């Protein structure tokens, strides 16, 4: 069974907060400076939308509109899909799939914390699966198979050298470690 991994544990992108009255040009510069693809639009203490680089591209640039004139409020996605920070990543996956979105705004008590993307969720699951696989191999005790160096069938040992993992027999293990 998968341990509880919360959304907060995998948030990589901190929330950039902007006002709905900002121009698209200014927001594009803010996104570029912070190396993020989306920002939270807030009025007073309320989240009213998000704007993404894709919104800027599709709703302003592609239509030939002037980014210096267009306000964020006219291109933002209103009422973005949010998830509280302490929810399980499985909840985030189900929410993304159910709503057909690629990113979720992570909130803490209703205030923006950051964004989590489908790629973040996949990376977290992949890391968990690799750790689980390593634990199960270690728990299994002796492992038998084909040595990746000499090709002989034997009891195998896990050797990590120069960042690469290999499963090798006893004599190849000794050779690699010397």
N, C-alpha and C. Protein backbone atom coordinates (compact mmCIF):
# COMPACT_ATOMS: atom_id res chain seq x y z
N UNK A 1 0.83 -1.18 0.00
CA UNK A 1 0.00 0.00 0.00
C UNK A 1 0.88 1.25 0.00
N UNK A 2 0.44 2.26 -0.73
CA UNK A 2 1.21 3.47 -0.89
C UNK A 2 1.10 4.36 0.36
N UNK A 3 2.24 4.84 0.88
CA UNK A 3 2.16 5.75 2.03
C UNK A 3 1.55 7.07 1.59
N UNK A 4 1.06 7.84 2.54
CA UNK A 4 0.44 9.10 2.19
C UNK A 4 1.51 10.11 1.80
N UNK A 5 1.44 10.56 0.56
CA UNK A 5 2.29 11.63 0.07
C UNK A 5 1.34 12.80 -0.15
N UNK A 6 1.58 13.88 0.57
CA UNK A 6 0.67 15.02 0.43
C UNK A 6 1.08 15.91 -0.73
N UNK A 7 0.12 16.67 -1.21
CA UNK A 7 0.36 17.59 -2.31
C UNK A 7 1.46 18.59 -1.93
N UNK A 8 1.46 19.03 -0.69
CA UNK A 8 2.46 20.00 -0.21
C UNK A 8 3.88 19.47 -0.41
N UNK A 9 4.07 18.16 -0.27
CA UNK A 9 5.41 17.57 -0.38
C UNK A 9 5.98 17.65 -1.79
N UNK A 10 5.12 17.83 -2.79
CA UNK A 10 5.63 17.84 -4.16
C UNK A 10 5.47 19.17 -4.87
N UNK A 11 5.00 20.20 -4.16
CA UNK A 11 4.87 21.52 -4.78
C UNK A 11 6.27 22.04 -5.10
N UNK A 12 6.49 22.33 -6.38
CA UNK A 12 7.80 22.85 -6.80
C UNK A 12 7.70 24.31 -7.22
N UNK A 13 6.51 24.71 -7.62
CA UNK A 13 6.32 26.07 -8.13
C UNK A 13 5.55 26.89 -7.11
N UNK A 14 6.19 27.90 -6.55
CA UNK A 14 5.53 28.78 -5.59
C UNK A 14 4.55 29.66 -6.34
N UNK A 15 3.50 30.06 -5.65
CA UNK A 15 2.47 30.89 -6.27
C UNK A 15 2.97 32.32 -6.45
N UNK A 16 2.88 32.81 -7.67
CA UNK A 16 3.14 34.21 -7.98
C UNK A 16 1.76 34.86 -8.00
N UNK A 17 1.57 35.89 -7.21
CA UNK A 17 0.27 36.54 -7.10
C UNK A 17 0.28 37.86 -7.86
N UNK A 18 -0.76 38.07 -8.67
CA UNK A 18 -0.91 39.31 -9.43
C UNK A 18 -2.32 39.85 -9.26
N UNK A 19 -2.50 41.10 -9.65
CA UNK A 19 -3.81 41.75 -9.58
C UNK A 19 -4.50 41.64 -10.94
N UNK A 20 -5.83 41.64 -10.96
CA UNK A 20 -6.56 41.54 -12.22
C UNK A 20 -6.36 42.75 -13.13
N UNK A 21 -5.89 43.87 -12.57
CA UNK A 21 -5.69 45.09 -13.35
C UNK A 21 -4.33 45.15 -14.04
N UNK A 22 -3.47 44.17 -13.78
CA UNK A 22 -2.14 44.13 -14.41
C UNK A 22 -2.29 43.95 -15.92
N UNK A 23 -1.36 44.50 -16.67
CA UNK A 23 -1.37 44.27 -18.12
C UNK A 23 -0.73 42.91 -18.41
N UNK A 24 -1.09 42.36 -19.53
CA UNK A 24 -0.54 41.08 -19.95
C UNK A 24 0.97 41.20 -20.16
N UNK A 25 1.43 42.34 -20.67
CA UNK A 25 2.86 42.54 -20.87
C UNK A 25 3.62 42.42 -19.55
N UNK A 26 3.10 43.09 -18.51
CA UNK A 26 3.76 43.05 -17.20
C UNK A 26 3.74 41.63 -16.63
N UNK A 27 2.63 40.94 -16.76
CA UNK A 27 2.52 39.58 -16.25
C UNK A 27 3.48 38.64 -16.98
N UNK A 28 3.58 38.82 -18.29
CA UNK A 28 4.51 37.98 -19.07
C UNK A 28 5.94 38.17 -18.56
N UNK A 29 6.30 39.41 -18.23
CA UNK A 29 7.64 39.68 -17.70
C UNK A 29 7.82 39.05 -16.32
N UNK A 30 6.79 39.11 -15.50
CA UNK A 30 6.85 38.51 -14.16
C UNK A 30 7.02 36.99 -14.27
N UNK A 31 6.23 36.36 -15.17
CA UNK A 31 6.33 34.91 -15.35
C UNK A 31 7.74 34.54 -15.83
N UNK A 32 8.25 35.29 -16.80
CA UNK A 32 9.58 35.00 -17.35
C UNK A 32 10.66 35.17 -16.28
N UNK A 33 10.57 36.25 -15.51
CA UNK A 33 11.58 36.52 -14.48
C UNK A 33 11.61 35.41 -13.43
N UNK A 34 10.44 34.92 -13.07
CA UNK A 34 10.33 33.89 -12.04
C UNK A 34 10.41 32.47 -12.59
N UNK A 35 10.54 32.34 -13.92
CA UNK A 35 10.64 31.04 -14.59
C UNK A 35 9.49 30.11 -14.22
N UNK A 36 8.26 30.67 -14.30
CA UNK A 36 7.05 29.90 -14.04
C UNK A 36 6.10 30.09 -15.22
N UNK A 37 5.11 29.24 -15.31
CA UNK A 37 4.19 29.32 -16.44
C UNK A 37 2.80 29.80 -16.05
N UNK A 38 2.58 30.08 -14.76
CA UNK A 38 1.27 30.55 -14.35
C UNK A 38 1.35 31.41 -13.10
N UNK A 39 0.32 32.23 -12.93
CA UNK A 39 0.23 33.11 -11.77
C UNK A 39 -1.20 33.12 -11.25
N UNK A 40 -1.33 33.40 -9.98
CA UNK A 40 -2.64 33.46 -9.32
C UNK A 40 -3.13 34.90 -9.37
N UNK A 41 -4.37 35.08 -9.78
CA UNK A 41 -4.97 36.41 -9.83
C UNK A 41 -5.81 36.57 -8.56
N UNK A 42 -5.47 37.60 -7.77
CA UNK A 42 -6.19 37.82 -6.51
C UNK A 42 -6.69 39.25 -6.43
N UNK A 43 -7.85 39.37 -5.83
CA UNK A 43 -8.42 40.68 -5.53
C UNK A 43 -8.70 40.68 -4.04
N UNK A 44 -8.06 41.60 -3.34
CA UNK A 44 -8.08 41.63 -1.87
C UNK A 44 -7.51 40.29 -1.38
N UNK A 45 -8.27 39.52 -0.63
CA UNK A 45 -7.78 38.22 -0.15
C UNK A 45 -8.49 37.06 -0.83
N UNK A 46 -8.98 37.28 -2.03
CA UNK A 46 -9.76 36.25 -2.71
C UNK A 46 -9.10 35.86 -4.03
N UNK A 47 -8.98 34.56 -4.24
CA UNK A 47 -8.48 34.04 -5.51
C UNK A 47 -9.62 34.16 -6.52
N UNK A 48 -9.36 34.91 -7.61
CA UNK A 48 -10.42 35.06 -8.61
C UNK A 48 -10.07 34.40 -9.94
N UNK A 49 -8.83 33.94 -10.08
CA UNK A 49 -8.46 33.27 -11.32
C UNK A 49 -6.98 32.91 -11.37
N UNK A 50 -6.60 32.32 -12.50
CA UNK A 50 -5.18 32.10 -12.80
C UNK A 50 -4.97 32.52 -14.24
N UNK A 51 -3.75 32.89 -14.53
CA UNK A 51 -3.37 33.20 -15.91
C UNK A 51 -2.11 32.40 -16.21
N UNK A 52 -2.08 31.82 -17.40
CA UNK A 52 -0.94 30.99 -17.79
C UNK A 52 -0.27 31.57 -19.03
N UNK A 53 0.94 31.09 -19.28
CA UNK A 53 1.63 31.52 -20.50
C UNK A 53 0.83 31.12 -21.73
N UNK A 54 0.12 30.03 -21.65
CA UNK A 54 -0.72 29.58 -22.76
C UNK A 54 -1.90 30.54 -22.99
N UNK A 55 -2.47 31.08 -21.90
CA UNK A 55 -3.52 32.09 -22.03
C UNK A 55 -2.98 33.30 -22.79
N UNK A 56 -1.79 33.74 -22.41
CA UNK A 56 -1.17 34.90 -23.05
C UNK A 56 -0.94 34.62 -24.53
N UNK A 57 -0.42 33.45 -24.83
CA UNK A 57 -0.14 33.09 -26.21
C UNK A 57 -1.42 32.98 -27.04
N UNK A 58 -2.40 32.21 -26.55
CA UNK A 58 -3.61 31.94 -27.33
C UNK A 58 -4.62 33.10 -27.35
N UNK A 59 -4.73 33.83 -26.26
CA UNK A 59 -5.77 34.85 -26.16
C UNK A 59 -5.29 36.27 -26.47
N UNK A 60 -3.97 36.45 -26.54
CA UNK A 60 -3.45 37.79 -26.82
C UNK A 60 -2.55 37.77 -28.06
N UNK A 61 -1.43 37.08 -27.97
CA UNK A 61 -0.44 37.09 -29.05
C UNK A 61 -1.01 36.54 -30.35
N UNK A 62 -1.62 35.36 -30.30
CA UNK A 62 -2.14 34.72 -31.51
C UNK A 62 -3.26 35.53 -32.17
N UNK A 63 -3.94 36.34 -31.36
CA UNK A 63 -5.04 37.15 -31.90
C UNK A 63 -4.59 38.56 -32.30
N UNK A 64 -3.30 38.84 -32.14
CA UNK A 64 -2.76 40.13 -32.54
C UNK A 64 -3.13 41.27 -31.62
N UNK A 65 -3.54 40.98 -30.40
CA UNK A 65 -3.88 42.03 -29.43
C UNK A 65 -2.62 42.59 -28.79
N UNK A 66 -2.68 43.81 -28.32
CA UNK A 66 -1.54 44.49 -27.73
C UNK A 66 -1.40 44.11 -26.26
N UNK A 67 -0.34 43.39 -25.88
CA UNK A 67 -0.15 42.97 -24.48
C UNK A 67 -0.06 44.16 -23.51
N UNK A 68 0.28 45.34 -24.03
CA UNK A 68 0.37 46.53 -23.16
C UNK A 68 -1.02 47.06 -22.81
N UNK A 69 -2.00 46.68 -23.61
CA UNK A 69 -3.36 47.19 -23.43
C UNK A 69 -4.30 46.19 -22.75
N UNK A 70 -4.06 44.90 -22.97
CA UNK A 70 -4.97 43.86 -22.45
C UNK A 70 -4.73 43.64 -20.96
N UNK A 71 -5.80 43.63 -20.20
CA UNK A 71 -5.72 43.37 -18.75
C UNK A 71 -5.87 41.88 -18.49
N UNK A 72 -5.21 41.42 -17.44
CA UNK A 72 -5.24 40.02 -17.05
C UNK A 72 -6.68 39.54 -16.82
N UNK A 73 -7.51 40.39 -16.25
CA UNK A 73 -8.89 40.00 -15.93
C UNK A 73 -9.66 39.53 -17.16
N UNK A 74 -9.27 40.00 -18.35
CA UNK A 74 -10.00 39.61 -19.55
C UNK A 74 -9.54 38.28 -20.15
N UNK A 75 -8.39 37.77 -19.72
CA UNK A 75 -7.90 36.49 -20.29
C UNK A 75 -7.73 35.39 -19.26
N UNK A 76 -7.87 35.72 -17.98
CA UNK A 76 -7.63 34.72 -16.93
C UNK A 76 -8.71 33.63 -16.95
N UNK A 77 -8.34 32.48 -16.37
CA UNK A 77 -9.31 31.42 -16.14
C UNK A 77 -9.92 31.70 -14.78
N UNK A 78 -11.24 31.94 -14.80
CA UNK A 78 -11.93 32.27 -13.55
C UNK A 78 -12.15 31.01 -12.73
N UNK A 79 -12.21 31.17 -11.44
CA UNK A 79 -12.40 30.07 -10.48
C UNK A 79 -11.56 28.84 -10.82
N UNK A 80 -10.25 28.96 -10.65
CA UNK A 80 -9.36 27.83 -10.96
C UNK A 80 -9.62 26.63 -10.04
N UNK A 81 -9.21 25.47 -10.51
CA UNK A 81 -9.33 24.24 -9.74
C UNK A 81 -8.24 24.26 -8.66
N UNK A 82 -8.66 24.13 -7.41
CA UNK A 82 -7.71 24.18 -6.30
C UNK A 82 -7.76 22.89 -5.50
N UNK A 83 -6.69 22.67 -4.75
CA UNK A 83 -6.63 21.54 -3.83
C UNK A 83 -5.87 22.00 -2.59
N UNK A 84 -6.35 21.62 -1.43
CA UNK A 84 -5.68 21.99 -0.19
C UNK A 84 -4.36 21.22 -0.05
N UNK A 85 -3.39 21.84 0.57
CA UNK A 85 -2.02 21.33 0.70
C UNK A 85 -1.92 19.96 1.36
N UNK A 86 -2.87 19.63 2.25
CA UNK A 86 -2.75 18.38 3.01
C UNK A 86 -3.47 17.20 2.37
N UNK A 87 -3.98 17.38 1.16
CA UNK A 87 -4.62 16.28 0.45
C UNK A 87 -3.56 15.33 -0.09
N UNK A 88 -3.95 14.11 -0.28
CA UNK A 88 -3.09 13.06 -0.82
C UNK A 88 -2.90 13.29 -2.33
N UNK A 89 -1.75 12.88 -2.85
CA UNK A 89 -1.52 13.06 -4.29
C UNK A 89 -2.51 12.25 -5.12
N UNK A 90 -3.04 11.16 -4.57
CA UNK A 90 -4.06 10.40 -5.29
C UNK A 90 -5.30 11.26 -5.51
N UNK A 91 -5.64 12.09 -4.52
CA UNK A 91 -6.76 13.02 -4.67
C UNK A 91 -6.48 14.02 -5.79
N UNK A 92 -5.23 14.48 -5.86
CA UNK A 92 -4.84 15.44 -6.90
C UNK A 92 -4.96 14.81 -8.28
N UNK A 93 -4.52 13.56 -8.41
CA UNK A 93 -4.60 12.86 -9.70
C UNK A 93 -6.07 12.73 -10.12
N UNK A 94 -6.90 12.30 -9.19
CA UNK A 94 -8.32 12.13 -9.51
C UNK A 94 -8.98 13.45 -9.88
N UNK A 95 -8.62 14.53 -9.18
CA UNK A 95 -9.17 15.84 -9.47
C UNK A 95 -8.74 16.32 -10.86
N UNK A 96 -7.46 16.16 -11.18
CA UNK A 96 -6.97 16.55 -12.51
C UNK A 96 -7.68 15.78 -13.60
N UNK A 97 -7.79 14.48 -13.42
CA UNK A 97 -8.44 13.65 -14.44
C UNK A 97 -9.92 14.01 -14.57
N UNK A 98 -10.58 14.20 -13.44
CA UNK A 98 -12.00 14.52 -13.45
C UNK A 98 -12.31 15.86 -14.09
N UNK A 99 -11.43 16.83 -13.87
CA UNK A 99 -11.65 18.19 -14.40
C UNK A 99 -10.95 18.42 -15.74
N UNK A 100 -10.09 17.48 -16.15
CA UNK A 100 -9.39 17.62 -17.42
C UNK A 100 -8.38 18.77 -17.43
N UNK A 101 -7.66 18.94 -16.31
CA UNK A 101 -6.66 20.00 -16.23
C UNK A 101 -5.28 19.40 -16.02
N UNK A 102 -4.24 20.22 -16.32
CA UNK A 102 -2.86 19.75 -16.18
C UNK A 102 -2.14 20.34 -14.99
N UNK A 103 -2.79 21.29 -14.32
CA UNK A 103 -2.18 21.88 -13.12
C UNK A 103 -3.27 22.21 -12.13
N UNK A 104 -2.88 22.15 -10.86
CA UNK A 104 -3.79 22.51 -9.78
C UNK A 104 -3.14 23.60 -8.93
N UNK A 105 -3.96 24.51 -8.48
CA UNK A 105 -3.49 25.53 -7.55
C UNK A 105 -3.59 24.94 -6.15
N UNK A 106 -2.46 24.86 -5.47
CA UNK A 106 -2.42 24.32 -4.11
C UNK A 106 -2.63 25.47 -3.14
N UNK A 107 -3.59 25.27 -2.23
CA UNK A 107 -3.90 26.32 -1.27
C UNK A 107 -3.69 25.82 0.15
N UNK A 108 -3.49 26.77 1.04
CA UNK A 108 -3.40 26.47 2.47
C UNK A 108 -4.40 27.40 3.14
N UNK A 109 -5.45 26.80 3.65
CA UNK A 109 -6.54 27.57 4.26
C UNK A 109 -7.07 28.63 3.30
N UNK A 110 -7.19 28.22 2.03
CA UNK A 110 -7.77 29.10 1.02
C UNK A 110 -6.82 30.11 0.41
N UNK A 111 -5.58 30.18 0.88
CA UNK A 111 -4.59 31.12 0.33
C UNK A 111 -3.62 30.36 -0.58
N UNK A 112 -3.21 30.97 -1.69
CA UNK A 112 -2.35 30.25 -2.65
C UNK A 112 -0.97 29.92 -2.09
N UNK A 113 -0.55 28.68 -2.33
CA UNK A 113 0.77 28.21 -1.93
C UNK A 113 1.68 28.01 -3.14
N UNK A 114 1.11 27.38 -4.15
CA UNK A 114 1.89 27.05 -5.33
C UNK A 114 1.08 26.22 -6.29
N UNK A 115 1.75 25.71 -7.30
CA UNK A 115 1.09 24.89 -8.30
C UNK A 115 1.71 23.49 -8.31
N UNK A 116 0.88 22.53 -8.65
CA UNK A 116 1.37 21.17 -8.86
C UNK A 116 0.85 20.75 -10.24
N UNK A 117 1.73 20.16 -11.03
CA UNK A 117 1.38 19.76 -12.38
C UNK A 117 1.28 18.23 -12.48
N UNK A 118 0.73 17.80 -13.60
CA UNK A 118 0.65 16.36 -13.85
C UNK A 118 2.05 15.76 -13.85
N UNK A 119 3.03 16.48 -14.39
CA UNK A 119 4.41 15.98 -14.41
C UNK A 119 4.96 15.83 -12.99
N UNK A 120 4.62 16.76 -12.09
CA UNK A 120 5.06 16.66 -10.69
C UNK A 120 4.50 15.39 -10.05
N UNK A 121 3.23 15.12 -10.32
CA UNK A 121 2.58 13.94 -9.74
C UNK A 121 3.20 12.66 -10.27
N UNK A 122 3.48 12.62 -11.58
CA UNK A 122 4.12 11.44 -12.16
C UNK A 122 5.52 11.22 -11.58
N UNK A 123 6.26 12.31 -11.41
CA UNK A 123 7.61 12.20 -10.83
C UNK A 123 7.54 11.67 -9.41
N UNK A 124 6.58 12.14 -8.63
CA UNK A 124 6.43 11.67 -7.24
C UNK A 124 6.08 10.19 -7.20
N UNK A 125 5.18 9.77 -8.08
CA UNK A 125 4.81 8.35 -8.14
C UNK A 125 5.98 7.50 -8.59
N UNK A 126 6.75 7.99 -9.56
CA UNK A 126 7.91 7.27 -10.05
C UNK A 126 8.94 7.09 -8.95
N UNK A 127 9.21 8.16 -8.19
CA UNK A 127 10.16 8.09 -7.08
C UNK A 127 9.70 7.07 -6.05
N UNK A 128 8.42 7.13 -5.70
CA UNK A 128 7.87 6.18 -4.74
C UNK A 128 8.03 4.74 -5.25
N UNK A 129 7.68 4.51 -6.52
CA UNK A 129 7.77 3.16 -7.09
C UNK A 129 9.20 2.65 -7.11
N UNK A 130 10.17 3.52 -7.40
CA UNK A 130 11.58 3.10 -7.40
C UNK A 130 12.03 2.73 -5.99
N UNK A 131 11.63 3.53 -5.00
CA UNK A 131 12.01 3.24 -3.62
C UNK A 131 11.39 1.92 -3.16
N UNK A 132 10.13 1.72 -3.54
CA UNK A 132 9.44 0.49 -3.17
C UNK A 132 10.10 -0.73 -3.81
N UNK A 133 10.51 -0.58 -5.08
CA UNK A 133 11.17 -1.67 -5.80
C UNK A 133 12.50 -2.02 -5.14
N UNK A 134 13.28 -1.00 -4.76
CA UNK A 134 14.56 -1.23 -4.11
C UNK A 134 14.37 -1.92 -2.77
N UNK A 135 13.34 -1.51 -2.01
CA UNK A 135 13.07 -2.14 -0.72
C UNK A 135 12.69 -3.60 -0.90
N UNK A 136 11.86 -3.88 -1.93
CA UNK A 136 11.43 -5.26 -2.12
C UNK A 136 12.59 -6.14 -2.56
N UNK A 137 13.52 -5.58 -3.33
CA UNK A 137 14.70 -6.35 -3.74
C UNK A 137 15.57 -6.63 -2.53
N UNK A 138 15.77 -5.62 -1.69
CA UNK A 138 16.59 -5.81 -0.49
C UNK A 138 15.95 -6.80 0.47
N UNK A 139 14.62 -6.76 0.58
CA UNK A 139 13.92 -7.68 1.47
C UNK A 139 13.94 -9.10 0.94
N UNK A 140 14.06 -9.26 -0.36
CA UNK A 140 14.02 -10.57 -0.97
C UNK A 140 15.22 -11.42 -0.59
N UNK A 141 16.28 -10.78 -0.13
CA UNK A 141 17.48 -11.52 0.25
C UNK A 141 18.33 -11.81 -0.96
N UNK A 142 18.53 -13.07 -1.23
CA UNK A 142 19.38 -13.44 -2.36
C UNK A 142 18.63 -13.26 -3.67
N UNK A 143 19.36 -12.72 -4.64
CA UNK A 143 18.80 -12.50 -5.97
C UNK A 143 19.65 -13.28 -6.96
N UNK A 144 19.00 -14.07 -7.80
CA UNK A 144 19.71 -14.85 -8.82
C UNK A 144 19.28 -14.38 -10.20
N UNK A 145 20.22 -14.43 -11.13
CA UNK A 145 19.91 -14.04 -12.49
C UNK A 145 21.18 -14.03 -13.33
N UNK A 146 21.12 -13.33 -14.45
CA UNK A 146 22.24 -13.24 -15.39
C UNK A 146 23.09 -12.02 -15.04
N UNK A 147 24.37 -12.23 -14.84
CA UNK A 147 25.30 -11.15 -14.54
C UNK A 147 25.37 -10.20 -15.73
N UNK A 148 25.25 -8.90 -15.47
CA UNK A 148 25.27 -7.91 -16.54
C UNK A 148 26.66 -7.70 -17.14
N UNK A 149 27.70 -8.26 -16.51
CA UNK A 149 29.05 -8.10 -17.04
C UNK A 149 29.49 -9.34 -17.81
N UNK A 150 29.45 -10.51 -17.14
CA UNK A 150 29.98 -11.71 -17.79
C UNK A 150 28.91 -12.60 -18.42
N UNK A 151 27.64 -12.38 -18.08
CA UNK A 151 26.56 -13.15 -18.68
C UNK A 151 26.30 -14.50 -18.04
N UNK A 152 26.98 -14.82 -16.94
CA UNK A 152 26.78 -16.10 -16.26
C UNK A 152 25.58 -16.02 -15.32
N UNK A 153 24.89 -17.14 -15.16
CA UNK A 153 23.79 -17.22 -14.20
C UNK A 153 24.42 -17.44 -12.82
N UNK A 154 24.06 -16.58 -11.85
CA UNK A 154 24.66 -16.69 -10.52
C UNK A 154 23.84 -15.85 -9.54
N UNK A 155 24.25 -15.94 -8.26
CA UNK A 155 23.68 -15.03 -7.28
C UNK A 155 24.18 -13.63 -7.63
N UNK A 156 23.28 -12.66 -7.68
CA UNK A 156 23.65 -11.31 -8.11
C UNK A 156 23.77 -10.34 -6.93
N UNK A 157 24.62 -9.36 -7.14
CA UNK A 157 24.84 -8.30 -6.16
C UNK A 157 24.63 -6.97 -6.87
N UNK A 158 23.99 -6.05 -6.18
CA UNK A 158 23.74 -4.72 -6.74
C UNK A 158 24.98 -3.86 -6.53
N UNK A 159 25.51 -3.31 -7.62
CA UNK A 159 26.69 -2.47 -7.58
C UNK A 159 26.34 -1.15 -8.28
N UNK A 160 26.63 -0.04 -7.60
CA UNK A 160 26.42 1.26 -8.23
C UNK A 160 27.79 1.88 -8.44
N UNK A 161 28.08 2.18 -9.70
CA UNK A 161 29.38 2.74 -10.05
C UNK A 161 29.17 3.85 -11.07
N UNK A 162 29.74 5.00 -10.79
CA UNK A 162 29.62 6.18 -11.66
C UNK A 162 28.15 6.50 -11.94
N UNK A 163 27.31 6.31 -10.93
CA UNK A 163 25.89 6.65 -11.05
C UNK A 163 25.03 5.61 -11.74
N UNK A 164 25.63 4.50 -12.18
CA UNK A 164 24.87 3.46 -12.85
C UNK A 164 24.73 2.23 -11.97
N UNK A 165 23.55 1.67 -11.97
CA UNK A 165 23.28 0.46 -11.20
C UNK A 165 23.49 -0.76 -12.10
N UNK A 166 24.17 -1.76 -11.55
CA UNK A 166 24.37 -3.03 -12.28
C UNK A 166 24.13 -4.17 -11.32
N UNK A 167 23.65 -5.28 -11.87
CA UNK A 167 23.48 -6.51 -11.10
C UNK A 167 24.51 -7.49 -11.63
N UNK A 168 25.46 -7.85 -10.75
CA UNK A 168 26.61 -8.65 -11.19
C UNK A 168 26.87 -9.82 -10.23
N UNK A 169 27.61 -10.80 -10.75
CA UNK A 169 27.99 -11.95 -9.93
C UNK A 169 29.11 -11.55 -8.96
N UNK A 170 29.45 -12.45 -8.07
CA UNK A 170 30.45 -12.18 -7.03
C UNK A 170 31.81 -11.79 -7.63
N UNK A 171 32.29 -12.55 -8.65
CA UNK A 171 33.62 -12.25 -9.20
C UNK A 171 33.63 -10.92 -9.96
N UNK A 172 32.55 -10.61 -10.68
CA UNK A 172 32.51 -9.32 -11.39
C UNK A 172 32.36 -8.17 -10.39
N UNK A 173 31.67 -8.43 -9.28
CA UNK A 173 31.52 -7.42 -8.22
C UNK A 173 32.92 -7.08 -7.68
N UNK A 174 33.70 -8.10 -7.39
CA UNK A 174 35.06 -7.88 -6.87
C UNK A 174 35.89 -7.10 -7.88
N UNK A 175 35.75 -7.42 -9.18
CA UNK A 175 36.51 -6.76 -10.23
C UNK A 175 36.10 -5.29 -10.32
N UNK A 176 34.79 -5.01 -10.26
CA UNK A 176 34.30 -3.64 -10.37
C UNK A 176 34.67 -2.78 -9.16
N UNK A 177 34.74 -3.39 -8.00
CA UNK A 177 35.03 -2.64 -6.78
C UNK A 177 36.53 -2.43 -6.57
N UNK A 178 37.35 -3.12 -7.31
CA UNK A 178 38.81 -2.96 -7.11
C UNK A 178 39.37 -1.87 -7.97
